[in-house]
PDB file of N, CA and C in Angstrom:
ATOM      1  N   MET A   1      -8.833  29.591  12.724  1.00  0.00           N
ATOM      2  CA  MET A   1      -9.643  28.448  13.100  1.00  0.00           C
ATOM      3  C   MET A   1     -11.070  28.647  12.594  1.00  0.00           C
ATOM      4  N   ALA A   2     -11.655  27.586  12.129  1.00  0.00           N
ATOM      5  CA  ALA A   2     -13.007  27.649  11.581  1.00  0.00           C
ATOM      6  C   ALA A   2     -14.025  27.971  12.667  1.00  0.00           C
ATOM      7  N   GLN A   3     -15.046  28.741  12.301  1.00  0.00           N
ATOM      8  CA  GLN A   3     -16.101  29.119  13.237  1.00  0.00           C
ATOM      9  C   GLN A   3     -17.405  28.390  12.929  1.00  0.00           C
ATOM     10  N   ILE A   4     -17.549  27.979  11.688  1.00  0.00           N
ATOM     11  CA  ILE A   4     -18.794  27.353  11.262  1.00  0.00           C
ATOM     12  C   ILE A   4     -18.788  25.882  11.690  1.00  0.00           C
ATOM     13  N   LYS A   5     -19.910  25.431  12.244  1.00  0.00           N
ATOM     14  CA  LYS A   5     -20.003  24.088  12.811  1.00  0.00           C
ATOM     15  C   LYS A   5     -19.699  22.998  11.785  1.00  0.00           C
ATOM     16  N   SER A   6     -20.229  23.146  10.593  1.00  0.00           N
ATOM     17  CA  SER A   6     -20.008  22.119   9.565  1.00  0.00           C
ATOM     18  C   SER A   6     -18.541  22.078   9.131  1.00  0.00           C
ATOM     19  N   GLN A   7     -17.895  23.225   9.117  1.00  0.00           N
ATOM     20  CA  GLN A   7     -16.480  23.269   8.735  1.00  0.00           C
ATOM     21  C   GLN A   7     -15.603  22.648   9.823  1.00  0.00           C
ATOM     22  N   ILE A   8     -15.967  22.851  11.072  1.00  0.00           N
ATOM     23  CA  ILE A   8     -15.229  22.227  12.185  1.00  0.00           C
ATOM     24  C   ILE A   8     -15.315  20.707  12.061  1.00  0.00           C
ATOM     25  N   LYS A   9     -16.525  20.224  11.769  1.00  0.00           N
ATOM     26  CA  LYS A   9     -16.721  18.779  11.592  1.00  0.00           C
ATOM     27  C   LYS A   9     -15.918  18.278  10.399  1.00  0.00           C
ATOM     28  N   ARG A  10     -15.891  19.048   9.332  1.00  0.00           N
ATOM     29  CA  ARG A  10     -15.160  18.658   8.122  1.00  0.00           C
ATOM     30  C   ARG A  10     -13.656  18.556   8.413  1.00  0.00           C
ATOM     31  N   ILE A  11     -13.132  19.477   9.190  1.00  0.00           N
ATOM     32  CA  ILE A  11     -11.716  19.453   9.570  1.00  0.00           C
ATOM     33  C   ILE A  11     -11.407  18.178  10.350  1.00  0.00           C
ATOM     34  N   GLU A  12     -12.311  17.821  11.269  1.00  0.00           N
ATOM     35  CA  GLU A  12     -12.112  16.612  12.082  1.00  0.00           C
ATOM     36  C   GLU A  12     -12.149  15.353  11.223  1.00  0.00           C
ATOM     37  N   THR A  13     -13.109  15.265  10.312  1.00  0.00           N
ATOM     38  CA  THR A  13     -13.209  14.070   9.470  1.00  0.00           C
ATOM     39  C   THR A  13     -12.033  13.975   8.511  1.00  0.00           C
ATOM     40  N   ASN A  14     -11.554  15.113   8.013  1.00  0.00           N
ATOM     41  CA  ASN A  14     -10.379  15.114   7.133  1.00  0.00           C
ATOM     42  C   ASN A  14      -9.146  14.591   7.864  1.00  0.00           C
ATOM     43  N   GLU A  15      -9.005  14.964   9.118  1.00  0.00           N
ATOM     44  CA  GLU A  15      -7.857  14.519   9.903  1.00  0.00           C
ATOM     45  C   GLU A  15      -7.925  13.006  10.155  1.00  0.00           C
ATOM     46  N   LYS A  16      -9.115  12.502  10.430  1.00  0.00           N
ATOM     47  CA  LYS A  16      -9.283  11.054  10.627  1.00  0.00           C
ATOM     48  C   LYS A  16      -8.924  10.301   9.344  1.00  0.00           C
ATOM     49  N   ALA A  17      -9.389  10.827   8.218  1.00  0.00           N
ATOM     50  CA  ALA A  17      -9.102  10.187   6.927  1.00  0.00           C
ATOM     51  C   ALA A  17      -7.612  10.238   6.628  1.00  0.00           C
ATOM     52  N   ARG A  18      -6.968  11.362   6.938  1.00  0.00           N
ATOM     53  CA  ARG A  18      -5.531  11.491   6.700  1.00  0.00           C
ATOM     54  C   ARG A  18      -4.761  10.471   7.520  1.00  0.00           C
ATOM     55  N   GLN A  19      -5.116  10.324   8.782  1.00  0.00           N
ATOM     56  CA  GLN A  19      -4.433   9.360   9.643  1.00  0.00           C
ATOM     57  C   GLN A  19      -4.642   7.933   9.150  1.00  0.00           C
ATOM     58  N   ARG A  20      -5.851   7.627   8.692  1.00  0.00           N
ATOM     59  CA  ARG A  20      -6.141   6.295   8.152  1.00  0.00           C
ATOM     60  C   ARG A  20      -5.309   6.042   6.897  1.00  0.00           C
ATOM     61  N   ASN A  21      -5.228   7.046   6.012  1.00  0.00           N
ATOM     62  CA  ASN A  21      -4.454   6.916   4.778  1.00  0.00           C
ATOM     63  C   ASN A  21      -2.970   6.722   5.069  1.00  0.00           C
ATOM     64  N   VAL A  22      -2.441   7.449   6.042  1.00  0.00           N
ATOM     65  CA  VAL A  22      -1.031   7.306   6.413  1.00  0.00           C
ATOM     66  C   VAL A  22      -0.767   5.893   6.914  1.00  0.00           C
ATOM     67  N   ALA A  23      -1.677   5.364   7.721  1.00  0.00           N
ATOM     68  CA  ALA A  23      -1.516   4.013   8.262  1.00  0.00           C
ATOM     69  C   ALA A  23      -1.530   2.972   7.141  1.00  0.00           C
ATOM     70  N   ILE A  24      -2.432   3.138   6.191  1.00  0.00           N
ATOM     71  CA  ILE A  24      -2.537   2.186   5.080  1.00  0.00           C
ATOM     72  C   ILE A  24      -1.290   2.256   4.213  1.00  0.00           C
ATOM     73  N   ARG A  25      -0.822   3.457   3.893  1.00  0.00           N
ATOM     74  CA  ARG A  25       0.384   3.611   3.077  1.00  0.00           C
ATOM     75  C   ARG A  25       1.602   3.026   3.772  1.00  0.00           C
ATOM     76  N   SER A  26       1.672   3.210   5.075  1.00  0.00           N
ATOM     77  CA  SER A  26       2.787   2.667   5.848  1.00  0.00           C
ATOM     78  C   SER A  26       2.762   1.141   5.820  1.00  0.00           C
ATOM     79  N   ARG A  27       1.594   0.567   5.959  1.00  0.00           N
ATOM     80  CA  ARG A  27       1.452  -0.899   5.932  1.00  0.00           C
ATOM     81  C   ARG A  27       1.856  -1.451   4.570  1.00  0.00           C
ATOM     82  N   ILE A  28       1.464  -0.767   3.502  1.00  0.00           N
ATOM     83  CA  ILE A  28       1.841  -1.198   2.155  1.00  0.00           C
ATOM     84  C   ILE A  28       3.351  -1.112   1.973  1.00  0.00           C
ATOM     85  N   ALA A  29       3.948  -0.043   2.478  1.00  0.00           N
ATOM     86  CA  ALA A  29       5.406   0.109   2.380  1.00  0.00           C
ATOM     87  C   ALA A  29       6.116  -1.009   3.130  1.00  0.00           C
ATOM     88  N   THR A  30       5.599  -1.372   4.296  1.00  0.00           N
ATOM     89  CA  THR A  30       6.193  -2.439   5.096  1.00  0.00           C
ATOM     90  C   THR A  30       6.099  -3.773   4.369  1.00  0.00           C
ATOM     91  N   GLU A  31       4.929  -4.072   3.816  1.00  0.00           N
ATOM     92  CA  GLU A  31       4.744  -5.343   3.113  1.00  0.00           C
ATOM     93  C   GLU A  31       5.589  -5.390   1.832  1.00  0.00           C
ATOM     94  N   SER A  32       5.718  -4.253   1.167  1.00  0.00           N
ATOM     95  CA  SER A  32       6.554  -4.197  -0.040  1.00  0.00           C
ATOM     96  C   SER A  32       8.013  -4.440   0.317  1.00  0.00           C
ATOM     97  N   LYS A  33       8.423  -3.902   1.443  1.00  0.00           N
ATOM     98  CA  LYS A  33       9.801  -4.107   1.895  1.00  0.00           C
ATOM     99  C   LYS A  33      10.048  -5.577   2.214  1.00  0.00           C
ATOM    100  N   LYS A  34       9.062  -6.245   2.790  1.00  0.00           N
ATOM    101  CA  LYS A  34       9.189  -7.671   3.086  1.00  0.00           C
ATOM    102  C   LYS A  34       9.391  -8.469   1.802  1.00  0.00           C
ATOM    103  N   VAL A  35       8.702  -8.062   0.727  1.00  0.00           N
ATOM    104  CA  VAL A  35       8.874  -8.722  -0.570  1.00  0.00           C
ATOM    105  C   VAL A  35      10.299  -8.514  -1.056  1.00  0.00           C
ATOM    106  N   ARG A  36      10.790  -7.270  -0.997  1.00  0.00           N
ATOM    107  CA  ARG A  36      12.151  -6.977  -1.468  1.00  0.00           C
ATOM    108  C   ARG A  36      13.207  -7.714  -0.657  1.00  0.00           C
ATOM    109  N   VAL A  37      13.005  -7.812   0.652  1.00  0.00           N
ATOM    110  CA  VAL A  37      13.954  -8.523   1.511  1.00  0.00           C
ATOM    111  C   VAL A  37      13.984 -10.005   1.150  1.00  0.00           C
ATOM    112  N   ALA A  38      12.817 -10.589   0.902  1.00  0.00           N
ATOM    113  CA  ALA A  38      12.744 -12.006   0.529  1.00  0.00           C
ATOM    114  C   ALA A  38      13.431 -12.242  -0.811  1.00  0.00           C
ATOM    115  N   VAL A  39      13.282 -11.309  -1.747  1.00  0.00           N
ATOM    116  CA  VAL A  39      13.930 -11.439  -3.060  1.00  0.00           C
ATOM    117  C   VAL A  39      15.446 -11.338  -2.903  1.00  0.00           C
ATOM    118  N   GLU A  40      15.904 -10.398  -2.100  1.00  0.00           N
ATOM    119  CA  GLU A  40      17.341 -10.244  -1.881  1.00  0.00           C
ATOM    120  C   GLU A  40      17.940 -11.479  -1.214  1.00  0.00           C
ATOM    121  N   ALA A  41      17.148 -12.133  -0.365  1.00  0.00           N
ATOM    122  CA  ALA A  41      17.610 -13.345   0.304  1.00  0.00           C
ATOM    123  C   ALA A  41      17.563 -14.548  -0.638  1.00  0.00           C
ATOM    124  N   GLY A  42      16.868 -14.395  -1.761  1.00  0.00           N
ATOM    125  CA  GLY A  42      16.759 -15.475  -2.735  1.00  0.00           C
ATOM    126  C   GLY A  42      15.705 -16.506  -2.391  1.00  0.00           C
ATOM    127  N   ASP A  43      14.806 -16.173  -1.488  1.00  0.00           N
ATOM    128  CA  ASP A  43      13.753 -17.088  -1.054  1.00  0.00           C
ATOM    129  C   ASP A  43      12.502 -16.868  -1.904  1.00  0.00           C
ATOM    130  N   ALA A  44      12.375 -17.660  -2.966  1.00  0.00           N
ATOM    131  CA  ALA A  44      11.282 -17.473  -3.930  1.00  0.00           C
ATOM    132  C   ALA A  44       9.916 -17.753  -3.307  1.00  0.00           C
ATOM    133  N   ALA A  45       9.822 -18.787  -2.487  1.00  0.00           N
ATOM    134  CA  ALA A  45       8.534 -19.147  -1.892  1.00  0.00           C
ATOM    135  C   ALA A  45       8.038 -18.039  -0.960  1.00  0.00           C
ATOM    136  N   LYS A  46       8.929 -17.542  -0.128  1.00  0.00           N
ATOM    137  CA  LYS A  46       8.554 -16.470   0.812  1.00  0.00           C
ATOM    138  C   LYS A  46       8.203 -15.194   0.047  1.00  0.00           C
ATOM    139  N   ALA A  47       8.974 -14.904  -0.992  1.00  0.00           N
ATOM    140  CA  ALA A  47       8.710 -13.709  -1.792  1.00  0.00           C
ATOM    141  C   ALA A  47       7.330 -13.792  -2.445  1.00  0.00           C
ATOM    142  N   GLN A  48       6.982 -14.964  -2.961  1.00  0.00           N
ATOM    143  CA  GLN A  48       5.681 -15.155  -3.608  1.00  0.00           C
ATOM    144  C   GLN A  48       4.553 -14.977  -2.598  1.00  0.00           C
ATOM    145  N   GLU A  49       4.754 -15.511  -1.401  1.00  0.00           N
ATOM    146  CA  GLU A  49       3.750 -15.394  -0.350  1.00  0.00           C
ATOM    147  C   GLU A  49       3.566 -13.935   0.068  1.00  0.00           C
ATOM    148  N   GLN A  50       4.674 -13.224   0.250  1.00  0.00           N
ATOM    149  CA  GLN A  50       4.613 -11.816   0.637  1.00  0.00           C
ATOM    150  C   GLN A  50       4.005 -10.963  -0.478  1.00  0.00           C
ATOM    151  N   LEU A  51       4.264 -11.356  -1.718  1.00  0.00           N
ATOM    152  CA  LEU A  51       3.704 -10.627  -2.862  1.00  0.00           C
ATOM    153  C   LEU A  51       2.187 -10.670  -2.832  1.00  0.00           C
ATOM    154  N   LYS A  52       1.621 -11.834  -2.523  1.00  0.00           N
ATOM    155  CA  LYS A  52       0.162 -11.973  -2.458  1.00  0.00           C
ATOM    156  C   LYS A  52      -0.423 -11.032  -1.406  1.00  0.00           C
ATOM    157  N   VAL A  53       0.242 -10.967  -0.249  1.00  0.00           N
ATOM    158  CA  VAL A  53      -0.226 -10.081   0.836  1.00  0.00           C
ATOM    159  C   VAL A  53      -0.160  -8.627   0.385  1.00  0.00           C
ATOM    160  N   ALA A  54       0.959  -8.253  -0.225  1.00  0.00           N
ATOM    161  CA  ALA A  54       1.146  -6.866  -0.660  1.00  0.00           C
ATOM    162  C   ALA A  54       0.122  -6.481  -1.727  1.00  0.00           C
ATOM    163  N   ILE A  55      -0.099  -7.354  -2.689  1.00  0.00           N
ATOM    164  CA  ILE A  55      -1.058  -7.056  -3.764  1.00  0.00           C
ATOM    165  C   ILE A  55      -2.464  -6.910  -3.211  1.00  0.00           C
ATOM    166  N   LYS A  56      -2.813  -7.760  -2.256  1.00  0.00           N
ATOM    167  CA  LYS A  56      -4.140  -7.664  -1.649  1.00  0.00           C
ATOM    168  C   LYS A  56      -4.325  -6.306  -0.963  1.00  0.00           C
ATOM    169  N   LEU A  57      -3.300  -5.870  -0.233  1.00  0.00           N
ATOM    170  CA  LEU A  57      -3.383  -4.573   0.443  1.00  0.00           C
ATOM    171  C   LEU A  57      -3.447  -3.417  -0.554  1.00  0.00           C
ATOM    172  N   ILE A  58      -2.659  -3.512  -1.615  1.00  0.00           N
ATOM    173  CA  ILE A  58      -2.654  -2.448  -2.625  1.00  0.00           C
ATOM    174  C   ILE A  58      -4.018  -2.348  -3.302  1.00  0.00           C
ATOM    175  N   ASP A  59      -4.603  -3.510  -3.641  1.00  0.00           N
ATOM    176  CA  ASP A  59      -5.926  -3.497  -4.263  1.00  0.00           C
ATOM    177  C   ASP A  59      -6.975  -2.899  -3.324  1.00  0.00           C
ATOM    178  N   LYS A  60      -6.891  -3.243  -2.058  1.00  0.00           N
ATOM    179  CA  LYS A  60      -7.854  -2.706  -1.092  1.00  0.00           C
ATOM    180  C   LYS A  60      -7.677  -1.192  -0.936  1.00  0.00           C
ATOM    181  N   SER A  61      -6.434  -0.726  -1.041  1.00  0.00           N
ATOM    182  CA  SER A  61      -6.197   0.710  -0.907  1.00  0.00           C
ATOM    183  C   SER A  61      -6.841   1.496  -2.047  1.00  0.00           C
ATOM    184  N   VAL A  62      -6.965   0.861  -3.206  1.00  0.00           N
ATOM    185  CA  VAL A  62      -7.631   1.528  -4.337  1.00  0.00           C
ATOM    186  C   VAL A  62      -9.119   1.676  -4.042  1.00  0.00           C
ATOM    187  N   THR A  63      -9.734   0.624  -3.526  1.00  0.00           N
ATOM    188  CA  THR A  63     -11.168   0.711  -3.238  1.00  0.00           C
ATOM    189  C   THR A  63     -11.447   1.670  -2.084  1.00  0.00           C
ATOM    190  N   ASP A  64     -10.475   1.836  -1.186  1.00  0.00           N
ATOM    191  CA  ASP A  64     -10.624   2.779  -0.080  1.00  0.00           C
ATOM    192  C   ASP A  64     -10.315   4.211  -0.503  1.00  0.00           C
ATOM    193  N   GLY A  65      -9.760   4.389  -1.705  1.00  0.00           N
ATOM    194  CA  GLY A  65      -9.466   5.727  -2.200  1.00  0.00           C
ATOM    195  C   GLY A  65      -8.125   6.271  -1.746  1.00  0.00           C
ATOM    196  N   VAL A  66      -7.250   5.403  -1.248  1.00  0.00           N
ATOM    197  CA  VAL A  66      -5.934   5.854  -0.792  1.00  0.00           C
ATOM    198  C   VAL A  66      -5.017   6.070  -1.990  1.00  0.00           C
ATOM    199  N   TYR A  67      -5.008   5.114  -2.913  1.00  0.00           N
ATOM    200  CA  TYR A  67      -4.186   5.202  -4.118  1.00  0.00           C
ATOM    201  C   TYR A  67      -5.066   5.234  -5.358  1.00  0.00           C
ATOM    202  N   HIS A  68      -4.606   5.922  -6.384  1.00  0.00           N
ATOM    203  CA  HIS A  68      -5.252   5.882  -7.692  1.00  0.00           C
ATOM    204  C   HIS A  68      -4.949   4.517  -8.307  1.00  0.00           C
ATOM    205  N   ARG A  69      -5.827   4.026  -9.165  1.00  0.00           N
ATOM    206  CA  ARG A  69      -5.642   2.679  -9.720  1.00  0.00           C
ATOM    207  C   ARG A  69      -4.367   2.560 -10.548  1.00  0.00           C
ATOM    208  N   SER A  70      -3.938   3.636 -11.184  1.00  0.00           N
ATOM    209  CA  SER A  70      -2.696   3.594 -11.964  1.00  0.00           C
ATOM    210  C   SER A  70      -1.476   3.473 -11.052  1.00  0.00           C
ATOM    211  N   THR A  71      -1.510   4.183  -9.958  1.00  0.00           N
ATOM    212  CA  THR A  71      -0.420   4.112  -8.986  1.00  0.00           C
ATOM    213  C   THR A  71      -0.336   2.710  -8.406  1.00  0.00           C
ATOM    214  N   ALA A  72      -1.490   2.155  -8.078  1.00  0.00           N
ATOM    215  CA  ALA A  72      -1.534   0.805  -7.526  1.00  0.00           C
ATOM    216  C   ALA A  72      -1.010  -0.205  -8.545  1.00  0.00           C
ATOM    217  N   GLY A  73      -1.409  -0.044  -9.797  1.00  0.00           N
ATOM    218  CA  GLY A  73      -0.945  -0.945 -10.848  1.00  0.00           C
ATOM    219  C   GLY A  73       0.564  -0.876 -11.014  1.00  0.00           C
ATOM    220  N   ARG A  74       1.100   0.322 -10.924  1.00  0.00           N
ATOM    221  CA  ARG A  74       2.552   0.509 -11.043  1.00  0.00           C
ATOM    222  C   ARG A  74       3.283  -0.181  -9.890  1.00  0.00           C
ATOM    223  N   LYS A  75       2.758  -0.048  -8.689  1.00  0.00           N
ATOM    224  CA  LYS A  75       3.366  -0.677  -7.520  1.00  0.00           C
ATOM    225  C   LYS A  75       3.307  -2.199  -7.632  1.00  0.00           C
ATOM    226  N   LYS A  76       2.152  -2.725  -8.036  1.00  0.00           N
ATOM    227  CA  LYS A  76       2.003  -4.176  -8.172  1.00  0.00           C
ATOM    228  C   LYS A  76       2.917  -4.708  -9.261  1.00  0.00           C
ATOM    229  N   SER A  77       3.016  -3.994 -10.360  1.00  0.00           N
ATOM    230  CA  SER A  77       3.858  -4.414 -11.470  1.00  0.00           C
ATOM    231  C   SER A  77       5.326  -4.477 -11.065  1.00  0.00           C
ATOM    232  N   ALA A  78       5.789  -3.465 -10.350  1.00  0.00           N
ATOM    233  CA  ALA A  78       7.189  -3.421  -9.927  1.00  0.00           C
ATOM    234  C   ALA A  78       7.516  -4.576  -8.993  1.00  0.00           C
ATOM    235  N   LEU A  79       6.618  -4.850  -8.048  1.00  0.00           N
ATOM    236  CA  LEU A  79       6.851  -5.957  -7.117  1.00  0.00           C
ATOM    237  C   LEU A  79       6.817  -7.306  -7.831  1.00  0.00           C
ATOM    238  N   THR A  80       5.870  -7.457  -8.750  1.00  0.00           N
ATOM    239  CA  THR A  80       5.760  -8.707  -9.488  1.00  0.00           C
ATOM    240  C   THR A  80       6.982  -8.960 -10.338  1.00  0.00           C
ATOM    241  N   LYS A  81       7.479  -7.921 -11.007  1.00  0.00           N
ATOM    242  CA  LYS A  81       8.706  -8.053 -11.811  1.00  0.00           C
ATOM    243  C   LYS A  81       9.873  -8.492 -10.938  1.00  0.00           C
ATOM    244  N   LEU A  82       9.951  -7.925  -9.760  1.00  0.00           N
ATOM    245  CA  LEU A  82      11.031  -8.244  -8.828  1.00  0.00           C
ATOM    246  C   LEU A  82      10.980  -9.720  -8.429  1.00  0.00           C
ATOM    247  N   VAL A  83       9.785 -10.198  -8.088  1.00  0.00           N
ATOM    248  CA  VAL A  83       9.629 -11.595  -7.685  1.00  0.00           C
ATOM    249  C   VAL A  83       9.888 -12.522  -8.870  1.00  0.00           C
ATOM    250  N   ASN A  84       9.425 -12.143 -10.045  1.00  0.00           N
ATOM    251  CA  ASN A  84       9.636 -12.980 -11.233  1.00  0.00           C
ATOM    252  C   ASN A  84      11.110 -13.058 -11.634  1.00  0.00           C
ATOM    253  N   SER A  85      11.894 -12.077 -11.229  1.00  0.00           N
ATOM    254  CA  SER A  85      13.320 -12.096 -11.561  1.00  0.00           C
ATOM    255  C   SER A  85      14.041 -13.238 -10.847  1.00  0.00           C
ATOM    256  N   LEU A  86      13.444 -13.757  -9.774  1.00  0.00           N
ATOM    257  CA  LEU A  86      14.049 -14.877  -9.062  1.00  0.00           C
ATOM    258  C   LEU A  86      13.975 -16.173  -9.850  1.00  0.00           C
ATOM    259  N   SER A  87      12.920 -16.327 -10.637  1.00  0.00           N
ATOM    260  CA  SER A  87      12.710 -17.594 -11.345  1.00  0.00           C
ATOM    261  C   SER A  87      13.594 -17.721 -12.593  1.00  0.00           C
ATOM    262  N   LYS A  88      14.287 -16.654 -12.964  1.00  0.00           N
ATOM    263  CA  LYS A  88      15.117 -16.700 -14.159  1.00  0.00           C
ATOM    264  C   LYS A  88      16.510 -17.173 -13.854  1.00  0.00           C
TER     265      LYS A  88
END
């Protein structure tokens, strides 16, 4: 266990950040799943609506430092391709 005051504080702030990151990643996973479920159901309108929500969350996660911009781009691209497959 850390003895130095600044290190104790650093451990606490790291844990808060980790919990926040886990919550954000979980929310993105949930919204992405909603998009996939809508696509599987064949509901293009609902899928498009859910896609907008998911993309907004993914973009915000990049500015918060949860995901790297390349990872976020890959996630958005995969979801968009999935939704676009309905229109074909």
